[in-house]
Amino acid sequence: MPQSEFPTRREFLQRSAVGVAGGATAFAASGLCEAGAAERPSPLAAKPPHFAARAKAVIFLMMEGGPSQIDTFDPKPKLEQLDGQVFKRENVKTSQVSGTRHFVKSPFKFKHHGESGIAVSELFSETAKHVDDLAILRSGYGDSDNHPAAVFQYTTGFPVQGNPSIGSWVIYGLGSENVSLPPYVVLRDGKPFGGTTSWGNGFLPALYQGMQFRGGDHPVLNLKPPAGVTEPQQQASLDLLLKLNRRHLADRAEFTDFAARIASYELADRMQREIPEAIDIHRETAATQRLYGLEEDKTKTFGRRCLLARRLIERGVRYVQIWSGGWDSHDDVLGGHRNSTAQVDRPIAGLLADLKQRGMLDDTLVVWGGEFGRTADTTEAAFKKKKPGRDHNPKATLMWFAGGGVRAGQTIGATDEVGDAAAEDRYHLNDIHATLLYLLGLDQEKLSVYHGGRQKQLTNVGGKIIHQMIG
């Protein structure tokens, strides 16, 4: 049957009395299971890892725009001495750092926290209370100082479009523990730099792509069938769809696409029943909602996302990607980063505390970071305005990890004395991705797909495991 003969999901929900879901239910109950189509295991069903896993799920906190390592988790006292002096770079290859530039000290104070004594900026005063649960990687690096390319590499392993996102690889490798909910959820309004490639399936089947939930009380659309539909009308639609499915499948049993399409309808049916309860954060206690900062305007948006992520992971969702924008502080890093952290610090601390008190942090890997770090210097124009900022810097990409088998309470690697570039125990994004897979029990070489004439992987088999990170 030509692609055009199949209605879209929206059309199905709006034009059919039963919507996408009911048709699949009729199909599953029709006896066609005996014909073999519905007996095939769901491609989203849980699969065993390649080896014993430390983590079974991931919450990835994506700080879009590039947070400054120097102003968050990598203090550089040397900049106090160099503040205002001209920074003379060698081998300048991009306009990002050309022209006369001046060193900029951090406008934020750092304090040592926890038994580990790790220094954290005042910006993350709440997250700092959990520093003993973190492994802070100070020596990461990528390859591009361009936002879209850097975001692509950060979330898919390659600085170009067309490759599966990390979440897609994880679902492809492990499936989901709850086939009634989408296995890979993205919590973001709108599109990031470069569009939805960051949670796309690339050359993997489409069912492995992330499903975007929107903000507010209705993050998923079309969960209910059209109003005014009676039970006889609904049953008539079910009967008709059942008859058409039988007729079509009987002559085309060798075509697996149809069975896959039915599987997606079945997922939509289950989602219509499961998602309303899963996303209802009002079921949480008032104390839990306060923990995430839902009572304050500045924290409630990101707080809702973090709380929703916990609820989804708790119900068997495998991978949740949470986005926060506004980190691109070319001018006024003081105001820009203060505003951005004010929105996320308390919710992140609440998420870590909540996961830990529920016993979920042990097997949930929490990852924090942005597509690149920022420079130790600023442009002359920004310096003269007395509101210096920082520009894009893929040579110093800071990330931290918590839970999921991570050896916490430590820093890994180091940047140079001004924080401009990873200098000790340098780790490329490929290494970070390989380590993430390893914690989930996935072998980067075995997790592959034949495409374009060769086997392809998330890390391009170029990653080395960061063993210091693993507990």
Protein backbone atom coordinates (compact mmCIF):
# COMPACT_ATOMS: atom_id res chain seq x y z
CA MET A 1 0.00 0.00 0.00
CA PRO A 2 1.42 3.45 -0.86
CA GLN A 3 2.54 5.62 2.03
CA SER A 4 -0.15 8.21 1.22
CA GLU A 5 -2.93 5.72 1.94
CA PHE A 6 -2.03 5.70 5.62
CA PRO A 7 -3.42 8.62 7.68
CA THR A 8 -1.10 10.58 9.88
CA ARG A 9 -1.41 10.16 13.63
CA ARG A 10 -3.12 13.52 13.96
CA GLU A 11 -5.59 12.69 11.16
CA PHE A 12 -6.26 9.32 12.73
CA LEU A 13 -7.04 10.88 16.09
CA GLN A 14 -9.15 13.68 14.68
CA ARG A 15 -11.09 11.84 11.99
CA SER A 16 -11.56 8.41 13.49
CA ALA A 17 -14.00 7.77 16.28
CA VAL A 18 -11.43 5.64 18.00
CA GLY A 19 -8.23 7.44 17.11
CA VAL A 20 -4.92 5.74 16.57
CA ALA A 21 -5.20 3.74 19.73
CA GLY A 22 -8.49 1.96 19.34
CA GLY A 23 -7.63 0.54 15.96
CA ALA A 24 -4.55 -1.12 17.31
CA THR A 25 -6.51 -2.56 20.22
CA ALA A 26 -9.00 -4.08 17.81
CA PHE A 27 -6.17 -5.51 15.75
CA ALA A 28 -4.52 -7.09 18.77
CA ALA A 29 -7.82 -8.60 19.93
CA SER A 30 -8.88 -9.78 16.50
CA GLY A 31 -7.19 -13.13 16.33
CA LEU A 32 -4.57 -11.86 13.92
CA CYS A 33 -2.09 -12.71 16.65
CA GLU A 34 -2.52 -16.29 15.58
CA ALA A 35 -1.63 -15.29 12.05
CA GLY A 36 1.77 -14.33 13.38
CA ALA A 37 1.89 -10.55 12.99
CA ALA A 38 1.17 -9.54 16.58
CA GLU A 39 3.26 -12.35 18.01
CA ARG A 40 6.42 -10.58 16.97
CA PRO A 41 8.06 -9.04 20.04
CA SER A 42 7.89 -5.27 20.24
CA PRO A 43 11.08 -3.65 18.97
CA LEU A 44 10.81 -1.44 22.05
CA ALA A 45 10.73 -4.32 24.52
CA ALA A 46 13.55 -4.47 27.07
CA LYS A 47 16.73 -6.16 25.86
CA PRO A 48 19.64 -7.49 27.92
CA PRO A 49 22.80 -5.33 28.00
CA HIS A 50 26.06 -6.61 26.57
CA PHE A 51 27.44 -6.91 30.11
CA ALA A 52 26.41 -6.05 33.65
CA ALA A 53 25.11 -2.49 33.71
CA ARG A 54 25.64 0.07 36.45
CA ALA A 55 22.77 2.26 35.23
CA LYS A 56 19.44 1.37 33.69
CA ALA A 57 18.19 4.86 32.80
CA VAL A 58 19.54 8.33 31.94
CA ILE A 59 18.44 11.89 32.70
CA PHE A 60 20.48 14.21 30.50
CA LEU A 61 20.45 17.88 31.57
CA MET A 62 21.28 19.87 28.44
CA MET A 63 22.38 23.47 29.09
CA GLU A 64 22.01 24.84 25.58
CA GLY A 65 24.29 27.70 24.59
CA GLY A 66 27.41 26.61 26.46
CA PRO A 67 27.83 27.24 30.20
CA SER A 68 31.15 28.67 31.30
CA GLN A 69 33.36 26.15 33.07
CA ILE A 70 35.32 29.02 34.66
CA ASP A 71 32.20 30.42 36.33
CA THR A 72 30.56 27.17 37.45
CA PHE A 73 32.71 24.15 38.41
CA ASP A 74 36.30 24.98 37.39
CA PRO A 75 37.74 27.89 39.42
CA LYS A 76 40.79 29.67 38.01
CA PRO A 77 42.54 31.91 40.60
CA LYS A 78 45.15 32.86 37.97
CA LEU A 79 42.52 34.99 36.24
CA GLU A 80 42.38 37.20 39.31
CA GLN A 81 45.96 38.24 38.51
CA LEU A 82 45.45 38.53 34.75
CA ASP A 83 42.08 40.28 34.76
CA GLY A 84 42.05 43.00 32.08
CA GLN A 85 45.35 42.06 30.50
CA VAL A 86 45.54 41.32 26.79
CA PHE A 87 45.31 37.62 25.94
CA LYS A 88 47.54 36.92 22.94
CA ARG A 89 46.46 33.74 21.22
CA GLU A 90 48.44 31.67 18.76
CA ASN A 91 47.09 29.91 15.68
CA VAL A 92 43.76 31.71 15.69
CA LYS A 93 41.50 29.89 13.23
CA THR A 94 38.11 31.40 13.94
CA SER A 95 36.57 34.85 14.21
CA GLN A 96 35.24 33.82 17.62
CA VAL A 97 38.59 34.68 19.23
CA SER A 98 40.15 37.13 16.77
CA GLY A 99 41.13 40.73 17.45
CA THR A 100 42.29 42.26 20.70
CA ARG A 101 40.97 40.34 23.67
CA HIS A 102 41.24 40.73 27.43
CA PHE A 103 41.38 38.18 30.24
CA VAL A 104 38.27 38.19 32.42
CA LYS A 105 38.22 36.90 35.99
CA SER A 106 35.10 35.19 37.22
CA PRO A 107 32.67 37.61 38.86
CA PHE A 108 31.48 34.74 41.08
CA LYS A 109 32.94 33.43 44.30
CA PHE A 110 33.85 29.77 44.75
CA LYS A 111 33.55 27.77 47.96
CA HIS A 112 34.60 24.26 48.91
CA HIS A 113 31.77 21.89 49.72
CA GLY A 114 31.12 18.45 51.13
CA GLU A 115 33.55 15.84 52.35
CA SER A 116 35.23 15.92 48.96
CA GLY A 117 36.01 19.62 49.35
CA ILE A 118 35.27 20.34 45.68
CA ALA A 119 35.04 24.04 44.83
CA VAL A 120 31.75 25.16 43.27
CA SER A 121 30.62 28.60 42.17
CA GLU A 122 28.08 30.54 44.22
CA LEU A 123 25.84 30.25 41.17
CA PHE A 124 25.21 26.60 42.04
CA SER A 125 24.84 26.97 45.80
CA GLU A 126 22.02 24.38 45.92
CA THR A 127 23.64 21.85 43.62
CA ALA A 128 26.86 22.27 45.65
CA LYS A 129 25.10 20.60 48.59
CA HIS A 130 25.23 17.40 46.52
CA VAL A 131 28.81 17.75 45.33
CA ASP A 132 29.77 14.46 47.00
CA ASP A 133 27.38 12.74 44.59
CA LEU A 134 29.07 14.26 41.53
CA ALA A 135 31.99 13.28 39.33
CA ILE A 136 33.04 16.51 37.62
CA LEU A 137 34.90 16.11 34.33
CA ARG A 138 36.93 19.28 33.78
CA SER A 139 38.94 18.11 30.78
CA GLY A 140 36.40 17.36 28.08
CA TYR A 141 36.64 18.81 24.58
CA GLY A 142 34.86 18.81 21.22
CA ASP A 143 35.60 19.93 17.69
CA SER A 144 33.35 22.86 16.77
CA ASP A 145 32.71 26.35 18.13
CA ASN A 146 29.55 26.67 16.04
CA HIS A 147 26.35 26.11 18.00
CA PRO A 148 24.48 23.73 15.65
CA ALA A 149 27.54 21.62 14.82
CA ALA A 150 28.58 21.50 18.47
CA VAL A 151 25.08 20.52 19.60
CA PHE A 152 25.01 17.78 16.94
CA GLN A 153 28.31 16.38 18.17
CA TYR A 154 27.33 16.68 21.80
CA THR A 155 24.04 14.82 21.33
CA THR A 156 24.77 12.49 18.38
CA GLY A 157 28.55 12.03 18.36
CA PHE A 158 29.11 13.82 15.04
CA PRO A 159 29.20 17.55 14.16
CA VAL A 160 26.85 17.00 11.20
CA GLN A 161 23.20 16.11 10.85
CA GLY A 162 21.83 12.70 9.97
CA ASN A 163 23.15 10.57 12.82
CA PRO A 164 21.16 8.93 15.62
CA SER A 165 21.07 10.75 18.94
CA ILE A 166 22.52 9.14 22.06
CA GLY A 167 19.03 8.41 23.35
CA SER A 168 18.12 6.66 20.10
CA TRP A 169 21.21 4.46 20.34
CA VAL A 170 20.35 3.61 23.95
CA ILE A 171 16.77 2.62 23.09
CA TYR A 172 18.00 0.65 20.08
CA GLY A 173 20.38 -1.23 22.35
CA LEU A 174 18.28 -1.70 25.49
CA GLY A 175 14.65 -1.09 24.62
CA SER A 176 12.34 0.12 27.37
CA GLU A 177 11.10 -1.29 30.66
CA ASN A 178 7.64 0.13 30.01
CA VAL A 179 6.22 -0.33 26.51
CA SER A 180 3.16 1.70 27.47
CA LEU A 181 5.18 4.93 27.58
CA PRO A 182 7.56 6.41 25.03
CA PRO A 183 11.03 5.05 25.85
CA TYR A 184 12.83 8.31 25.00
CA VAL A 185 11.34 11.64 26.08
CA VAL A 186 12.54 15.18 25.39
CA LEU A 187 11.42 17.98 27.69
CA ARG A 188 11.74 21.21 25.80
CA ASP A 189 9.57 23.90 24.21
CA GLY A 190 10.45 24.79 20.62
CA LYS A 191 13.56 23.75 18.75
CA PRO A 192 17.26 24.00 19.73
CA PHE A 193 20.19 25.11 17.60
CA GLY A 194 20.07 22.96 14.46
CA GLY A 195 16.52 21.72 15.03
CA THR A 196 15.29 18.40 16.31
CA THR A 197 18.32 16.41 15.12
CA SER A 198 19.47 16.41 18.75
CA TRP A 199 16.86 13.79 19.58
CA GLY A 200 16.42 12.32 16.11
CA ASN A 201 16.77 8.70 15.08
CA GLY A 202 19.12 9.38 12.14
CA PHE A 203 19.51 6.17 10.15
CA LEU A 204 17.89 4.04 12.86
CA PRO A 205 14.18 3.16 12.54
CA ALA A 206 11.87 6.06 13.35
CA LEU A 207 10.43 4.48 16.49
CA TYR A 208 13.78 5.10 18.24
CA GLN A 209 13.57 8.89 18.01
CA GLY A 210 12.82 11.02 21.05
CA MET A 211 9.27 12.16 21.71
CA GLN A 212 9.04 15.83 22.63
CA PHE A 213 6.85 16.82 25.55
CA ARG A 214 5.85 20.47 25.78
CA GLY A 215 5.57 22.69 28.82
CA GLY A 216 2.44 23.38 30.85
CA ASP A 217 -0.29 21.04 32.07
CA HIS A 218 -0.73 19.38 28.66
CA PRO A 219 2.73 18.30 27.47
CA VAL A 220 1.31 15.67 25.08
CA LEU A 221 -1.39 16.53 22.55
CA ASN A 222 -4.18 14.33 21.20
CA LEU A 223 -4.48 12.05 24.21
CA LYS A 224 -8.27 11.97 24.04
CA PRO A 225 -10.57 10.88 21.20
CA PRO A 226 -12.87 13.51 19.66
CA ALA A 227 -15.71 14.72 21.83
CA GLY A 228 -19.23 13.52 21.16
CA VAL A 229 -18.38 10.02 19.98
CA THR A 230 -20.83 7.37 21.16
CA GLU A 231 -19.94 3.79 22.03
CA PRO A 232 -21.78 2.34 18.97
CA GLN A 233 -19.89 4.74 16.70
CA GLN A 234 -16.63 3.77 18.30
CA GLN A 235 -17.36 0.07 17.97
CA ALA A 236 -18.37 0.47 14.32
CA SER A 237 -15.05 2.14 13.58
CA LEU A 238 -13.19 -0.62 15.39
CA ASP A 239 -14.99 -3.31 13.43
CA LEU A 240 -14.30 -1.63 10.12
CA LEU A 241 -10.64 -1.11 10.88
CA LEU A 242 -10.34 -4.71 12.02
CA LYS A 243 -11.80 -5.94 8.74
CA LEU A 244 -9.47 -3.75 6.66
CA ASN A 245 -6.43 -4.83 8.65
CA ARG A 246 -7.26 -8.50 8.19
CA ARG A 247 -7.76 -8.13 4.47
CA HIS A 248 -4.57 -6.14 3.98
CA LEU A 249 -2.32 -8.33 6.10
CA ALA A 250 -3.60 -11.63 4.69
CA ASP A 251 -2.04 -10.91 1.29
CA ARG A 252 1.09 -9.14 2.55
CA ALA A 253 2.38 -11.11 5.52
CA GLU A 254 5.94 -10.71 4.28
CA PHE A 255 5.84 -6.93 4.65
CA THR A 256 7.05 -6.11 8.15
CA ASP A 257 6.33 -2.37 7.79
CA PHE A 258 2.65 -2.99 8.30
CA ALA A 259 3.22 -4.90 11.52
CA ALA A 260 5.53 -2.08 12.68
CA ARG A 261 2.83 0.46 11.86
CA ILE A 262 0.34 -1.50 13.93
CA ALA A 263 2.88 -1.64 16.76
CA SER A 264 3.09 2.15 16.72
CA TYR A 265 -0.70 2.37 16.89
CA GLU A 266 -0.68 0.01 19.83
CA LEU A 267 1.89 2.22 21.58
CA ALA A 268 -0.35 5.23 20.92
CA ASP A 269 -3.25 3.34 22.50
CA ARG A 270 -1.25 2.47 25.58
CA MET A 271 0.08 6.01 25.80
CA GLN A 272 -3.44 7.41 25.83
CA ARG A 273 -4.11 5.35 28.93
CA GLU A 274 -0.74 5.66 30.69
CA ILE A 275 0.55 9.16 29.98
CA PRO A 276 -2.17 11.18 31.77
CA GLU A 277 -1.25 9.61 35.10
CA ALA A 278 2.51 9.73 34.44
CA ILE A 279 2.57 13.45 33.64
CA ASP A 280 0.24 14.55 36.43
CA ILE A 281 2.76 16.16 38.74
CA HIS A 282 -0.10 17.49 40.89
CA ARG A 283 -0.26 13.99 42.39
CA GLU A 284 3.03 14.76 44.12
CA THR A 285 3.03 16.05 47.69
CA ALA A 286 3.38 19.76 48.35
CA ALA A 287 6.78 19.06 49.91
CA THR A 288 8.01 17.33 46.77
CA GLN A 289 6.77 20.15 44.57
CA ARG A 290 8.60 22.67 46.76
CA LEU A 291 11.74 20.56 46.54
CA TYR A 292 11.80 21.21 42.80
CA GLY A 293 10.93 24.90 43.17
CA LEU A 294 7.48 24.71 41.62
CA GLU A 295 6.14 27.48 43.84
CA GLU A 296 8.55 30.10 42.41
CA ASP A 297 8.18 31.67 38.99
CA LYS A 298 11.88 31.54 38.15
CA THR A 299 12.27 27.83 38.89
CA LYS A 300 8.88 26.31 38.14
CA THR A 301 9.42 25.70 34.40
CA PHE A 302 12.67 23.76 34.75
CA GLY A 303 11.44 22.32 38.04
CA ARG A 304 8.41 20.80 36.33
CA ARG A 305 10.69 19.22 33.75
CA CYS A 306 12.94 17.72 36.39
CA LEU A 307 10.02 16.37 38.42
CA LEU A 308 8.39 14.98 35.30
CA ALA A 309 11.68 13.32 34.37
CA ARG A 310 11.77 11.55 37.74
CA ARG A 311 8.18 10.38 37.31
CA LEU A 312 8.92 9.03 33.83
CA ILE A 313 12.12 7.25 34.86
CA GLU A 314 10.26 5.84 37.86
CA ARG A 315 7.75 4.29 35.44
CA GLY A 316 10.32 2.62 33.24
CA VAL A 317 11.18 5.27 30.65
CA ARG A 318 14.78 4.69 29.63
CA TYR A 319 16.11 8.10 28.53
CA VAL A 320 14.94 11.64 29.32
CA GLN A 321 16.60 14.73 27.87
CA ILE A 322 15.86 18.02 29.67
CA TRP A 323 16.76 21.33 28.02
CA SER A 324 17.57 24.74 29.47
CA GLY A 325 18.55 27.65 27.21
CA GLY A 326 20.10 31.07 27.71
CA TRP A 327 23.73 30.11 28.38
CA ASP A 328 25.27 31.92 25.39
CA SER A 329 26.81 34.79 27.38
CA HIS A 330 28.96 36.66 24.86
CA ASP A 331 28.25 39.86 26.78
CA ASP A 332 27.61 40.27 30.49
CA VAL A 333 28.46 36.80 31.77
CA LEU A 334 27.58 38.09 35.23
CA GLY A 335 23.96 38.84 34.38
CA GLY A 336 23.51 36.11 31.79
CA HIS A 337 24.81 33.21 33.86
CA ARG A 338 23.17 34.46 37.05
CA ASN A 339 19.81 34.44 35.30
CA SER A 340 20.34 31.00 33.76
CA THR A 341 21.48 29.31 36.95
CA ALA A 342 18.68 30.90 38.96
CA GLN A 343 16.26 28.87 36.83
CA VAL A 344 17.99 25.49 37.14
CA ASP A 345 20.07 25.29 40.34
CA ARG A 346 17.29 24.53 42.80
CA PRO A 347 15.45 22.08 40.48
CA ILE A 348 18.68 20.17 39.78
CA ALA A 349 19.42 19.92 43.50
CA GLY A 350 15.84 18.80 44.05
CA LEU A 351 16.16 16.13 41.38
CA LEU A 352 19.35 14.74 42.91
CA ALA A 353 17.85 14.75 46.40
CA ASP A 354 14.60 13.16 45.26
CA LEU A 355 16.31 10.41 43.27
CA LYS A 356 18.56 9.64 46.20
CA GLN A 357 15.84 9.51 48.85
CA ARG A 358 13.81 7.17 46.64
CA GLY A 359 16.77 4.86 46.04
CA MET A 360 16.74 5.68 42.33
CA LEU A 361 20.09 7.44 42.04
CA ASP A 362 21.97 4.15 42.25
CA ASP A 363 20.76 3.04 38.83
CA THR A 364 19.82 6.37 37.23
CA LEU A 365 22.67 8.23 35.50
CA VAL A 366 22.30 12.02 35.63
CA VAL A 367 24.43 14.00 33.16
CA TRP A 368 24.90 17.80 33.11
CA GLY A 369 26.64 20.02 30.56
CA GLY A 370 26.41 22.10 27.40
CA GLU A 371 27.68 21.84 23.84
CA PHE A 372 30.96 23.56 24.72
CA GLY A 373 32.63 25.71 27.35
CA ARG A 374 33.56 29.38 27.12
CA THR A 375 36.72 31.42 26.74
CA ALA A 376 38.85 32.88 29.51
CA ASP A 377 38.81 36.22 27.69
CA THR A 378 36.38 38.64 26.08
CA THR A 379 36.33 41.05 23.15
CA GLU A 380 37.71 44.55 23.55
CA ALA A 381 34.25 46.00 22.89
CA ALA A 382 32.67 43.98 25.70
CA PHE A 383 35.58 44.80 27.99
CA LYS A 384 35.20 48.53 27.39
CA LYS A 385 31.47 48.36 28.12
CA LYS A 386 32.40 46.90 31.53
CA LYS A 387 30.04 44.00 30.90
CA PRO A 388 32.50 41.38 29.69
CA GLY A 389 31.25 38.06 28.44
CA ARG A 390 32.83 34.87 27.16
CA ASP A 391 32.81 33.33 23.71
CA HIS A 392 32.47 29.76 22.41
CA ASN A 393 35.21 27.36 23.46
CA PRO A 394 35.04 23.64 22.51
CA LYS A 395 38.54 23.09 23.91
CA ALA A 396 37.23 23.13 27.49
CA THR A 397 33.88 21.34 27.73
CA LEU A 398 32.96 20.67 31.34
CA MET A 399 30.40 18.03 32.34
CA TRP A 400 29.37 16.33 35.54
CA PHE A 401 27.81 12.94 36.23
CA ALA A 402 25.89 11.53 39.19
CA GLY A 403 24.45 8.15 40.12
CA GLY A 404 24.32 5.16 37.81
CA GLY A 405 27.60 3.58 38.87
CA VAL A 406 29.64 6.79 38.84
CA ARG A 407 32.53 7.13 41.31
CA ALA A 408 31.33 10.31 42.97
CA GLY A 409 32.98 13.04 45.02
CA GLN A 410 35.83 13.69 42.61
CA THR A 411 37.09 15.88 39.79
CA ILE A 412 38.60 14.31 36.68
CA GLY A 413 41.22 16.00 34.54
CA ALA A 414 42.08 19.69 34.46
CA THR A 415 42.22 22.68 32.18
CA ASP A 416 45.23 24.97 31.90
CA GLU A 417 45.84 27.73 34.46
CA VAL A 418 43.33 30.09 32.85
CA GLY A 419 40.74 27.45 31.92
CA ASP A 420 41.14 27.98 28.21
CA ALA A 421 41.76 24.35 27.19
CA ALA A 422 41.73 20.82 28.58
CA ALA A 423 45.30 20.08 29.63
CA GLU A 424 45.44 17.00 31.89
CA ASP A 425 43.72 13.69 31.18
CA ARG A 426 41.93 15.12 28.17
CA TYR A 427 38.76 13.35 27.03
CA HIS A 428 37.04 13.86 23.70
CA LEU A 429 33.25 13.71 23.46
CA ASN A 430 33.68 10.26 21.89
CA ASP A 431 35.26 9.11 25.15
CA ILE A 432 32.42 10.58 27.17
CA HIS A 433 29.82 8.88 24.99
CA ALA A 434 31.66 5.56 25.17
CA THR A 435 31.69 5.82 28.96
CA LEU A 436 27.99 6.66 29.08
CA LEU A 437 27.25 3.53 27.03
CA TYR A 438 29.56 1.48 29.24
CA LEU A 439 27.68 2.51 32.38
CA LEU A 440 24.50 1.26 30.69
CA GLY A 441 26.12 -2.07 29.90
CA LEU A 442 26.57 -1.34 26.19
CA ASP A 443 29.70 -2.10 24.19
CA GLN A 444 30.37 0.77 21.79
CA GLU A 445 31.65 -1.63 19.12
CA LYS A 446 28.75 -4.09 19.36
CA LEU A 447 26.14 -1.34 19.37
CA SER A 448 26.24 -0.76 15.62
CA VAL A 449 24.12 -0.60 12.49
CA TYR A 450 25.12 -1.29 8.91
CA HIS A 451 24.46 1.90 6.97
CA GLY A 452 26.01 3.59 3.97
CA GLY A 453 28.28 0.66 3.21
CA ARG A 454 29.77 0.15 6.66
CA GLN A 455 29.01 -0.50 10.30
CA LYS A 456 28.30 2.71 12.20
CA GLN A 457 28.39 3.48 15.92
CA LEU A 458 27.74 6.39 18.25
CA THR A 459 31.46 6.81 18.96
CA ASN A 460 32.72 5.70 15.53
CA VAL A 461 34.70 3.16 17.64
CA GLY A 462 36.86 6.09 18.64
CA GLY A 463 36.01 6.35 22.32
CA LYS A 464 38.03 5.24 25.29
CA ILE A 465 36.33 4.42 28.58
CA ILE A 466 37.00 6.93 31.36
CA HIS A 467 37.69 4.32 34.02
CA GLN A 468 38.34 6.90 36.71
CA MET A 469 34.68 7.85 36.48
CA ILE A 470 33.38 4.35 37.11
CA GLY A 471 32.69 3.17 40.64
